Amino acid sequence: MKDAYDSKTAFINFCITGHNHDFTDEALERSIACFAVSLENRGNEVRTRHSEKLQSFGYISAAVCLKEMENAMAIRV
């Protein structure tokens, strides 16, 4: 189960950033946008096929956003 979660998390990370290791401004912008969407409460939450609210996207997008911000700070300093 952990391997499946890690694999899916890595895929979501790649979808958000578009890269594996290199920093880009676009990756930072996209990660901030994904995190902002995860915080919105419009009543139409992201749901799975079984009508369960998908909560882990918010945590994953927050982690990706923080990592991209750290990368940006390291490059700009």
C-alpha atoms as a PDB file:
ATOM      1  CA  MET A   1       0.000   0.000   0.000  1.00  0.00           C
ATOM      2  CA  LYS A   2       2.864   2.371   0.799  1.00  0.00           C
ATOM      3  CA  ASP A   3       4.477   1.664  -2.554  1.00  0.00           C
ATOM      4  CA  ALA A   4       1.224   2.453  -4.355  1.00  0.00           C
ATOM      5  CA  TYR A   5       0.836   5.697  -2.381  1.00  0.00           C
ATOM      6  CA  ASP A   6       4.443   6.717  -3.079  1.00  0.00           C
ATOM      7  CA  SER A   7       3.981   5.998  -6.773  1.00  0.00           C
ATOM      8  CA  LYS A   8       0.784   8.040  -6.988  1.00  0.00           C
ATOM      9  CA  THR A   9       2.302  10.871  -4.968  1.00  0.00           C
ATOM     10  CA  ALA A  10       5.324  10.971  -7.280  1.00  0.00           C
ATOM     11  CA  PHE A  11       2.998  11.079 -10.294  1.00  0.00           C
ATOM     12  CA  ILE A  12       0.983  13.977  -8.821  1.00  0.00           C
ATOM     13  CA  ASN A  13       4.229  15.765  -7.973  1.00  0.00           C
ATOM     14  CA  PHE A  14       5.387  15.360 -11.576  1.00  0.00           C
ATOM     15  CA  CYS A  15       2.014  16.588 -12.903  1.00  0.00           C
ATOM     16  CA  ILE A  16       2.202  19.702 -10.749  1.00  0.00           C
ATOM     17  CA  THR A  17       5.847  20.579 -11.350  1.00  0.00           C
ATOM     18  CA  GLY A  18       6.466  19.113 -14.791  1.00  0.00           C
ATOM     19  CA  HIS A  19       9.962  18.030 -13.766  1.00  0.00           C
ATOM     20  CA  ASN A  20      11.766  15.616 -11.530  1.00  0.00           C
ATOM     21  CA  HIS A  21      14.638  17.616 -10.044  1.00  0.00           C
ATOM     22  CA  ASP A  22      15.288  20.956 -11.742  1.00  0.00           C
ATOM     23  CA  PHE A  23      13.666  24.168 -10.507  1.00  0.00           C
ATOM     24  CA  THR A  24      11.555  26.326 -12.822  1.00  0.00           C
ATOM     25  CA  ASP A  25       9.468  29.415 -12.119  1.00  0.00           C
ATOM     26  CA  GLU A  26       6.538  27.727 -13.852  1.00  0.00           C
ATOM     27  CA  ALA A  27       6.689  24.820 -11.404  1.00  0.00           C
ATOM     28  CA  LEU A  28       6.516  27.218  -8.469  1.00  0.00           C
ATOM     29  CA  GLU A  29       3.563  29.079  -9.976  1.00  0.00           C
ATOM     30  CA  ARG A  30       1.706  25.861 -10.758  1.00  0.00           C
ATOM     31  CA  SER A  31       2.312  24.457  -7.267  1.00  0.00           C
ATOM     32  CA  ILE A  32       0.962  27.645  -5.662  1.00  0.00           C
ATOM     33  CA  ALA A  33      -2.104  27.466  -7.901  1.00  0.00           C
ATOM     34  CA  CYS A  34      -2.731  23.807  -6.993  1.00  0.00           C
ATOM     35  CA  PHE A  35      -2.392  24.594  -3.303  1.00  0.00           C
ATOM     36  CA  ALA A  36      -4.826  27.520  -3.648  1.00  0.00           C
ATOM     37  CA  VAL A  37      -7.361  25.268  -5.379  1.00  0.00           C
ATOM     38  CA  SER A  38      -7.031  22.709  -2.594  1.00  0.00           C
ATOM     39  CA  LEU A  39      -7.977  25.414  -0.062  1.00  0.00           C
ATOM     40  CA  GLU A  40     -11.113  26.532  -1.885  1.00  0.00           C
ATOM     41  CA  ASN A  41     -14.397  25.450  -0.354  1.00  0.00           C
ATOM     42  CA  ARG A  42     -16.963  25.874  -3.079  1.00  0.00           C
ATOM     43  CA  GLY A  43     -19.119  22.894  -2.265  1.00  0.00           C
ATOM     44  CA  ASN A  44     -17.899  20.889  -5.255  1.00  0.00           C
ATOM     45  CA  GLU A  45     -14.939  19.157  -3.673  1.00  0.00           C
ATOM     46  CA  VAL A  46     -12.761  16.749  -5.592  1.00  0.00           C
ATOM     47  CA  ARG A  47     -14.290  13.332  -5.084  1.00  0.00           C
ATOM     48  CA  THR A  48     -13.289   9.790  -5.898  1.00  0.00           C
ATOM     49  CA  ARG A  49     -15.414   7.330  -7.845  1.00  0.00           C
ATOM     50  CA  HIS A  50     -17.042   6.307  -4.582  1.00  0.00           C
ATOM     51  CA  SER A  51     -18.087   9.878  -3.633  1.00  0.00           C
ATOM     52  CA  GLU A  52     -15.450  10.235  -0.941  1.00  0.00           C
ATOM     53  CA  LYS A  53     -13.869  13.646  -0.546  1.00  0.00           C
ATOM     54  CA  LEU A  54     -10.256  13.578  -1.751  1.00  0.00           C
ATOM     55  CA  GLN A  55      -8.351  15.263   1.082  1.00  0.00           C
ATOM     56  CA  SER A  56      -4.819  14.117   0.365  1.00  0.00           C
ATOM     57  CA  PHE A  57      -4.459  16.423  -2.668  1.00  0.00           C
ATOM     58  CA  GLY A  58      -4.286  19.410  -0.322  1.00  0.00           C
ATOM     59  CA  TYR A  59      -1.469  17.854   1.674  1.00  0.00           C
ATOM     60  CA  ILE A  60       0.439  16.778  -1.424  1.00  0.00           C
ATOM     61  CA  SER A  61       0.061  20.160  -3.111  1.00  0.00           C
ATOM     62  CA  ALA A  62       1.185  21.928   0.090  1.00  0.00           C
ATOM     63  CA  ALA A  63       4.299  19.753   0.269  1.00  0.00           C
ATOM     64  CA  VAL A  64       5.115  20.369  -3.399  1.00  0.00           C
ATOM     65  CA  CYS A  65       4.557  24.107  -2.938  1.00  0.00           C
ATOM     66  CA  LEU A  66       6.909  24.247   0.053  1.00  0.00           C
ATOM     67  CA  LYS A  67       9.579  22.283  -1.809  1.00  0.00           C
ATOM     68  CA  GLU A  68       9.335  24.577  -4.816  1.00  0.00           C
ATOM     69  CA  MET A  69       9.562  27.644  -2.568  1.00  0.00           C
ATOM     70  CA  GLU A  70      12.689  26.215  -0.910  1.00  0.00           C
ATOM     71  CA  ASN A  71      14.188  25.557  -4.338  1.00  0.00           C
ATOM     72  CA  ALA A  72      13.409  29.119  -5.415  1.00  0.00           C
ATOM     73  CA  MET A  73      15.008  30.581  -2.299  1.00  0.00           C
ATOM     74  CA  ALA A  74      18.141  28.447  -2.724  1.00  0.00           C
ATOM     75  CA  ILE A  75      18.584  29.543  -6.341  1.00  0.00           C
ATOM     76  CA  ARG A  76      17.931  33.239  -5.740  1.00  0.00           C
ATOM     77  CA  VAL A  77      20.309  33.549  -2.752  1.00  0.00           C
END
